[in-house]
């Protein structure tokens, strides 16, 4: 019997609840913590589905998951796409999808990468800092173009602060991005390419209070805002091909601006997201895993590929035109289910991404 597995690190609430929920809901696929004692090339695993919560930090797991995917396991999220994904590309893709994002400039690393010298950069001119500062304005944020967890993130209010921060970034390739002065902020789960959970979130609060927020936009404007964010969440996740992700929006003058939408191992700890959000994500993840396990075809490609990749390969048109995918096949799902914004109380914070 093929199984449903979850691969994780120091998490202590979501993996356990996920396994219990999957086993409560059915008996065709046993759910368990993934166990690895040997990885041989091109040899299938015992898992129809694996939920990945840790490979971003463990290269061995990433290689294991690619081999599993090659031999027919539906890995969530797609380990090939996740390995190629980064924030600057995501922003550029969002622009093509019509999803508002902050104005953003890509900066080369301040220090040369190992094993390079000045000849390695013959094609790179000096940055036109005056034009960059004029385009982005102040205040601004500087952050790594790949990665997360609020590591190496700087807020700067003038060129002097920016250059001092840039000096500290070493070999990191950085994004230089306008700061958004927002009146509302949200984190939104998207699971299975169809289920959306919109959560008020206050990133300026201490970690343990960030989900203890309320939606400030009310009435018809609030209803329209929720609908627009749901549409943007689905567009981004269909294009990227993520089965399990979160998107963050800062709302400025009523317009939701996508700030962060590359969180394929998003925080799902009950002590940070709160009981109601936790219950929702456990249920949605369990349903998704069971559905995917039922659709798995032995030895086939059972990954989700976003419309950007699928459109590029098939030549069916620009991004956002193809029908959404909840699997490697075009999805035939009911209308997306967007939950109303809630403000659950949080007991204790955890990092935005799954713990190692």
Protein backbone atom coordinates (compact mmCIF):
# COMPACT_ATOMS: atom_id res chain seq x y z
CA UNK A 1 0.00 0.00 0.00
CA UNK A 2 1.36 3.40 -1.00
CA UNK A 3 1.52 5.93 1.85
CA UNK A 4 1.26 9.67 2.51
CA UNK A 5 4.31 11.09 4.25
CA UNK A 6 5.42 14.39 5.73
CA UNK A 7 9.09 15.42 5.82
CA UNK A 8 9.83 17.99 8.54
CA UNK A 9 12.32 19.31 11.09
CA UNK A 10 11.70 20.87 14.50
CA UNK A 11 7.97 21.45 14.04
CA UNK A 12 5.89 19.98 16.83
CA UNK A 13 2.24 20.70 16.04
CA UNK A 14 1.40 20.68 12.32
CA UNK A 15 3.11 17.42 11.22
CA UNK A 16 1.53 15.44 14.05
CA UNK A 17 -1.93 16.91 13.46
CA UNK A 18 -1.63 16.38 9.69
CA UNK A 19 -0.81 12.67 10.07
CA UNK A 20 -3.64 12.14 12.55
CA UNK A 21 -6.17 13.96 10.35
CA UNK A 22 -5.28 12.04 7.17
CA UNK A 23 -5.59 8.73 9.00
CA UNK A 24 -8.90 9.77 10.57
CA UNK A 25 -10.39 10.66 7.18
CA UNK A 26 -9.53 7.48 5.24
CA UNK A 27 -7.72 4.13 5.35
CA UNK A 28 -6.55 3.66 1.75
CA UNK A 29 -3.28 5.55 2.31
CA UNK A 30 -1.50 5.34 5.65
CA UNK A 31 -0.10 8.71 6.73
CA UNK A 32 3.19 8.80 8.61
CA UNK A 33 6.41 10.73 9.15
CA UNK A 34 8.72 10.01 6.21
CA UNK A 35 11.44 7.51 7.12
CA UNK A 36 14.66 7.28 5.05
CA UNK A 37 17.37 4.68 5.51
CA UNK A 38 18.56 4.27 1.93
CA UNK A 39 18.30 6.39 -1.23
CA UNK A 40 19.21 4.59 -4.47
CA UNK A 41 19.08 6.24 -7.85
CA UNK A 42 15.81 5.79 -9.75
CA UNK A 43 14.32 3.47 -7.10
CA UNK A 44 10.74 4.45 -6.10
CA UNK A 45 9.72 5.24 -2.53
CA UNK A 46 6.77 3.80 -0.63
CA UNK A 47 5.01 7.18 -0.74
CA UNK A 48 2.28 8.30 -3.12
CA UNK A 49 2.52 11.81 -1.66
CA UNK A 50 5.18 13.59 0.40
CA UNK A 51 4.56 16.98 2.04
CA UNK A 52 7.94 18.72 2.21
CA UNK A 53 8.54 21.12 5.11
CA UNK A 54 12.34 21.06 5.43
CA UNK A 55 14.31 20.46 2.21
CA UNK A 56 15.04 24.18 1.82
CA UNK A 57 17.50 23.73 4.70
CA UNK A 58 18.73 20.16 4.08
CA UNK A 59 20.36 19.49 0.67
CA UNK A 60 20.23 15.71 1.24
CA UNK A 61 16.44 15.87 1.52
CA UNK A 62 16.21 17.99 -1.63
CA UNK A 63 18.11 15.34 -3.61
CA UNK A 64 15.96 12.59 -2.07
CA UNK A 65 12.75 14.38 -3.07
CA UNK A 66 13.85 14.94 -6.66
CA UNK A 67 14.59 11.22 -6.98
CA UNK A 68 11.20 10.42 -5.42
CA UNK A 69 9.44 12.77 -7.81
CA UNK A 70 11.25 11.26 -10.79
CA UNK A 71 9.94 7.81 -9.82
CA UNK A 72 6.31 8.85 -9.34
CA UNK A 73 5.84 10.44 -5.90
CA UNK A 74 3.71 13.59 -5.82
CA UNK A 75 6.02 15.89 -3.85
CA UNK A 76 4.39 18.99 -2.37
CA UNK A 77 5.81 21.48 -3.24
CA UNK A 78 7.51 20.66 -6.57
CA UNK A 79 11.21 20.32 -5.59
CA UNK A 80 12.49 21.19 -9.06
CA UNK A 81 10.61 24.48 -9.25
CA UNK A 82 11.35 25.39 -5.63
CA UNK A 83 15.09 24.95 -6.29
CA UNK A 84 14.86 27.42 -9.21
CA UNK A 85 12.52 29.91 -7.57
CA UNK A 86 13.59 33.31 -6.22
CA UNK A 87 11.93 36.57 -5.23
CA UNK A 88 13.07 38.82 -8.07
CA UNK A 89 11.72 36.46 -10.72
CA UNK A 90 8.48 36.12 -8.76
CA UNK A 91 8.06 39.90 -8.73
CA UNK A 92 8.67 40.09 -12.47
CA UNK A 93 6.14 37.29 -13.04
CA UNK A 94 3.58 39.10 -10.86
CA UNK A 95 3.92 42.19 -13.05
CA UNK A 96 3.05 40.10 -16.12
CA UNK A 97 0.08 38.58 -14.26
CA UNK A 98 -1.27 42.02 -13.41
CA UNK A 99 -0.69 41.63 -9.66
CA UNK A 100 0.64 44.85 -8.05
CA UNK A 101 4.08 44.56 -6.41
CA UNK A 102 6.52 47.13 -4.98
CA UNK A 103 8.93 48.84 -7.37
CA UNK A 104 12.06 46.67 -7.23
CA UNK A 105 15.67 46.80 -8.46
CA UNK A 106 18.10 43.85 -8.49
CA UNK A 107 21.56 44.61 -7.04
CA UNK A 108 24.74 42.58 -7.62
CA UNK A 109 26.52 41.21 -4.57
CA UNK A 110 28.75 43.78 -2.87
CA UNK A 111 31.59 41.25 -2.63
CA UNK A 112 32.70 39.06 -5.50
CA UNK A 113 31.64 35.42 -5.29
CA UNK A 114 34.35 32.91 -4.48
CA UNK A 115 36.58 31.89 -7.39
CA UNK A 116 35.85 35.07 -9.37
CA UNK A 117 37.85 38.23 -10.08
CA UNK A 118 37.30 41.53 -11.90
CA UNK A 119 37.41 39.76 -15.27
CA UNK A 120 34.33 37.78 -14.28
CA UNK A 121 32.32 41.02 -14.33
CA UNK A 122 33.31 42.53 -17.66
CA UNK A 123 29.65 42.89 -18.62
CA UNK A 124 28.64 44.65 -15.42
CA UNK A 125 28.82 48.43 -15.26
CA UNK A 126 28.60 50.68 -12.22
CA UNK A 127 25.12 50.97 -10.75
CA UNK A 128 23.38 54.24 -11.57
CA UNK A 129 22.59 54.99 -7.95
CA UNK A 130 20.99 58.38 -8.57
CA UNK A 131 18.49 56.85 -10.98
CA UNK A 132 17.86 53.91 -8.61
CA UNK A 133 17.19 56.17 -5.64
CA UNK A 134 14.92 58.39 -7.74
CA UNK A 135 12.93 55.37 -8.96
CA UNK A 136 12.54 53.59 -5.61
CA UNK A 137 12.43 56.58 -3.23
CA UNK A 138 12.81 56.52 0.54
CA UNK A 139 12.18 54.79 2.84
CA UNK A 140 13.15 51.55 1.13
CA UNK A 141 13.89 47.94 1.98
CA UNK A 142 16.87 45.85 0.96
CA UNK A 143 16.58 42.06 1.20
CA UNK A 144 18.17 38.95 -0.36
CA UNK A 145 16.73 38.02 -3.75
CA UNK A 146 16.44 34.43 -2.50
CA UNK A 147 15.78 33.15 1.00
CA UNK A 148 13.47 34.25 3.77
CA UNK A 149 12.87 34.32 7.50
CA UNK A 150 13.64 38.07 7.66
CA UNK A 151 17.37 37.34 7.41
CA UNK A 152 19.57 40.21 6.13
CA UNK A 153 16.59 42.57 5.69
CA UNK A 154 17.30 46.30 6.04
CA UNK A 155 15.05 49.34 6.12
CA UNK A 156 16.88 52.48 4.95
CA UNK A 157 15.84 56.13 4.98
CA UNK A 158 18.58 57.75 2.91
CA UNK A 159 21.52 56.89 0.61
CA UNK A 160 24.04 56.86 3.48
CA UNK A 161 22.06 54.23 5.38
CA UNK A 162 21.62 52.22 2.20
CA UNK A 163 25.36 52.12 1.44
CA UNK A 164 26.19 51.16 5.04
CA UNK A 165 23.69 48.31 4.89
CA UNK A 166 24.92 47.23 1.45
CA UNK A 167 28.46 46.96 2.85
CA UNK A 168 27.20 44.30 5.28
CA UNK A 169 25.61 42.02 2.69
CA UNK A 170 28.77 40.25 1.52
CA UNK A 171 28.11 37.90 -1.40
CA UNK A 172 24.32 38.10 -1.23
CA UNK A 173 22.47 39.26 -4.33
CA UNK A 174 20.00 41.82 -3.03
CA UNK A 175 16.64 43.36 -3.91
CA UNK A 176 16.19 47.10 -3.40
CA UNK A 177 12.49 47.76 -2.99
CA UNK A 178 10.13 50.60 -2.21
CA UNK A 179 8.54 50.60 1.25
CA UNK A 180 4.74 50.41 1.24
CA UNK A 181 2.92 52.59 3.76
CA UNK A 182 -0.10 50.37 4.35
CA UNK A 183 -3.44 50.63 6.11
CA UNK A 184 -4.15 46.87 6.11
CA UNK A 185 -1.93 43.79 5.89
CA UNK A 186 -2.75 40.13 5.29
CA UNK A 187 -1.17 36.69 5.05
CA UNK A 188 -3.08 34.26 2.86
CA UNK A 189 -2.74 30.49 2.73
CA UNK A 190 -3.32 28.81 -0.62
CA UNK A 191 -3.60 25.02 -0.54
CA UNK A 192 -4.19 22.72 -3.49
CA UNK A 193 -4.45 25.61 -5.92
CA UNK A 194 -8.04 26.31 -4.85
CA UNK A 195 -8.50 26.79 -1.08
CA UNK A 196 -7.63 30.26 0.21
CA UNK A 197 -7.52 31.46 3.82
CA UNK A 198 -7.14 35.23 4.30
CA UNK A 199 -5.70 36.24 7.68
CA UNK A 200 -5.23 39.78 9.03
CA UNK A 201 -1.59 40.14 10.03
CA UNK A 202 0.45 42.96 11.57
CA UNK A 203 4.16 42.57 10.71
CA UNK A 204 5.07 45.59 12.89
CA UNK A 205 3.86 43.81 16.04
CA UNK A 206 6.05 41.52 18.16
CA UNK A 207 6.03 37.97 16.76
CA UNK A 208 3.56 36.63 19.30
CA UNK A 209 1.03 39.36 18.41
CA UNK A 210 1.28 39.43 14.61
CA UNK A 211 -1.86 37.37 14.04
CA UNK A 212 -3.74 39.31 16.72
CA UNK A 213 -4.87 41.83 14.12
CA UNK A 214 -8.15 43.02 12.66
CA UNK A 215 -9.16 43.91 9.13
CA UNK A 216 -9.55 47.69 9.00
CA UNK A 217 -11.25 47.95 5.60
CA UNK A 218 -14.98 47.34 6.06
CA UNK A 219 -18.25 47.37 4.13
CA UNK A 220 -18.33 47.05 0.35
CA UNK A 221 -14.69 48.12 0.14
CA UNK A 222 -13.74 45.30 2.47
CA UNK A 223 -15.72 42.74 0.47
CA UNK A 224 -14.10 43.91 -2.76
CA UNK A 225 -10.66 43.77 -1.14
CA UNK A 226 -11.17 40.14 -0.07
CA UNK A 227 -12.32 39.18 -3.55
CA UNK A 228 -9.36 40.92 -5.18
CA UNK A 229 -6.83 39.27 -2.84
CA UNK A 230 -8.39 35.86 -3.47
CA UNK A 231 -8.04 36.41 -7.21
CA UNK A 232 -4.41 37.52 -6.85
CA UNK A 233 -3.52 34.60 -4.55
CA UNK A 234 -4.88 32.10 -7.05
CA UNK A 235 -3.18 33.79 -10.01
CA UNK A 236 0.20 33.74 -8.31
CA UNK A 237 -0.02 30.16 -7.09
CA UNK A 238 -1.33 28.83 -10.41
CA UNK A 239 1.51 30.54 -12.26
CA UNK A 240 4.17 29.33 -9.81
CA UNK A 241 2.70 25.85 -9.40
CA UNK A 242 2.74 25.84 -5.60
CA UNK A 243 0.39 23.42 -3.81
CA UNK A 244 1.06 24.85 -0.33
CA UNK A 245 2.10 28.49 -0.02
CA UNK A 246 1.34 31.82 1.62
CA UNK A 247 1.04 35.24 0.01
CA UNK A 248 1.39 38.52 1.92
CA UNK A 249 -0.36 41.73 0.90
CA UNK A 250 0.17 45.30 2.09
CA UNK A 251 -2.92 47.37 1.28
CA UNK A 252 -2.19 50.96 0.21
CA UNK A 253 -5.07 53.25 -0.76
CA UNK A 254 -7.33 50.22 -1.06
CA UNK A 255 -4.97 48.37 -3.43
CA UNK A 256 -3.46 45.03 -2.24
CA UNK A 257 0.23 44.93 -3.13
CA UNK A 258 1.92 41.51 -3.05
CA UNK A 259 4.93 41.75 -0.74
CA UNK A 260 6.00 38.15 -0.27
CA UNK A 261 4.64 35.13 -2.14
CA UNK A 262 7.47 32.61 -2.05
CA UNK A 263 6.74 30.72 1.19
CA UNK A 264 6.45 27.07 0.14
CA UNK A 265 7.04 25.86 3.71
CA UNK A 266 4.92 28.48 5.49
CA UNK A 267 4.49 28.67 9.23
CA UNK A 268 1.63 26.41 10.34
CA UNK A 269 2.37 26.15 14.05
CA UNK A 270 -0.71 26.42 16.27
CA UNK A 271 1.18 28.60 18.74
CA UNK A 272 1.75 31.31 16.14
CA UNK A 273 -1.15 31.14 13.67
CA UNK A 274 -3.81 30.48 16.31
CA UNK A 275 -6.25 27.61 16.77
CA UNK A 276 -8.80 28.54 14.08
CA UNK A 277 -6.21 29.09 11.36
CA UNK A 278 -4.39 25.93 12.46
CA UNK A 279 -7.58 23.86 12.20
CA UNK A 280 -8.21 25.23 8.71
CA UNK A 281 -4.71 24.48 7.38
CA UNK A 282 -4.64 20.94 8.85
CA UNK A 283 -7.99 20.12 7.25
CA UNK A 284 -7.14 21.68 3.89
CA UNK A 285 -3.70 20.01 3.74
CA UNK A 286 -5.14 16.62 4.65
CA UNK A 287 -7.85 16.87 1.98
CA UNK A 288 -5.30 17.95 -0.63
CA UNK A 289 -2.92 15.08 0.19
CA UNK A 290 -5.68 12.48 0.00
CA UNK A 291 -6.98 13.85 -3.31
CA UNK A 292 -3.48 13.83 -4.80
CA UNK A 293 -2.77 10.30 -3.57
CA UNK A 294 -5.91 9.06 -5.33
CA UNK A 295 -4.78 10.66 -8.61
CA UNK A 296 -1.17 9.44 -8.56
CA UNK A 297 -0.15 7.37 -11.58
CA UNK A 298 2.65 4.90 -10.88
CA UNK A 299 5.97 5.88 -12.41
CA UNK A 300 4.57 9.07 -13.99
CA UNK A 301 5.24 12.76 -13.36
CA UNK A 302 2.80 13.55 -10.55
CA UNK A 303 4.15 17.02 -9.74
CA UNK A 304 2.33 20.30 -10.07
CA UNK A 305 3.84 22.52 -12.75
CA UNK A 306 2.73 26.14 -12.82
CA UNK A 307 1.19 27.79 -15.86
CA UNK A 308 4.43 29.71 -16.43
CA UNK A 309 6.37 26.49 -17.01
CA UNK A 310 3.55 24.63 -18.76
CA UNK A 311 2.85 27.56 -21.05
CA UNK A 312 6.52 27.92 -21.93
CA UNK A 313 6.83 24.22 -22.79
CA UNK A 314 3.59 23.88 -24.77
CA UNK A 315 3.65 27.32 -26.37
CA UNK A 316 0.01 27.87 -25.42
CA UNK A 317 0.38 31.55 -24.70
CA UNK A 318 1.58 34.09 -22.16
CA UNK A 319 1.50 33.46 -18.43
CA UNK A 320 -1.88 33.65 -16.80
CA UNK A 321 -3.78 32.57 -19.95
CA UNK A 322 -3.71 28.81 -19.46
CA UNK A 323 -6.23 27.06 -17.23
CA UNK A 324 -5.07 26.72 -13.59
CA UNK A 325 -3.37 23.55 -12.39
CA UNK A 326 -3.93 21.79 -9.09
CA UNK A 327 -1.89 18.86 -10.44
CA UNK A 328 0.10 18.00 -13.53
CA UNK A 329 -3.32 17.75 -15.24
CA UNK A 330 -5.55 20.81 -15.77
CA UNK A 331 -7.72 21.20 -12.70
CA UNK A 332 -11.45 20.57 -12.76
CA UNK A 333 -12.33 22.03 -9.42
CA UNK A 334 -15.25 23.85 -7.91
CA UNK A 335 -15.05 27.59 -7.44
CA UNK A 336 -12.22 28.61 -5.10
CA UNK A 337 -13.21 28.72 -1.44
CA UNK A 338 -12.03 31.93 0.18
CA UNK A 339 -12.49 32.26 3.91
CA UNK A 340 -13.46 35.55 5.45
CA UNK A 341 -10.76 37.51 7.18
CA UNK A 342 -10.35 36.66 10.83
CA UNK A 343 -8.15 37.88 13.64
CA UNK A 344 -7.32 34.87 15.81
CA UNK A 345 -5.36 35.40 18.96
CA UNK A 346 -1.83 34.02 18.94
CA UNK A 347 -0.12 32.50 21.96
CA UNK A 348 3.47 32.39 20.77
CA UNK A 349 5.23 33.19 17.54
CA UNK A 350 7.23 30.94 15.27
CA UNK A 351 9.35 31.79 12.22
CA UNK A 352 7.39 32.42 9.06
CA UNK A 353 8.82 29.29 7.47
CA UNK A 354 8.87 25.86 8.92
CA UNK A 355 11.51 25.32 11.59
CA UNK A 356 14.56 23.35 10.61
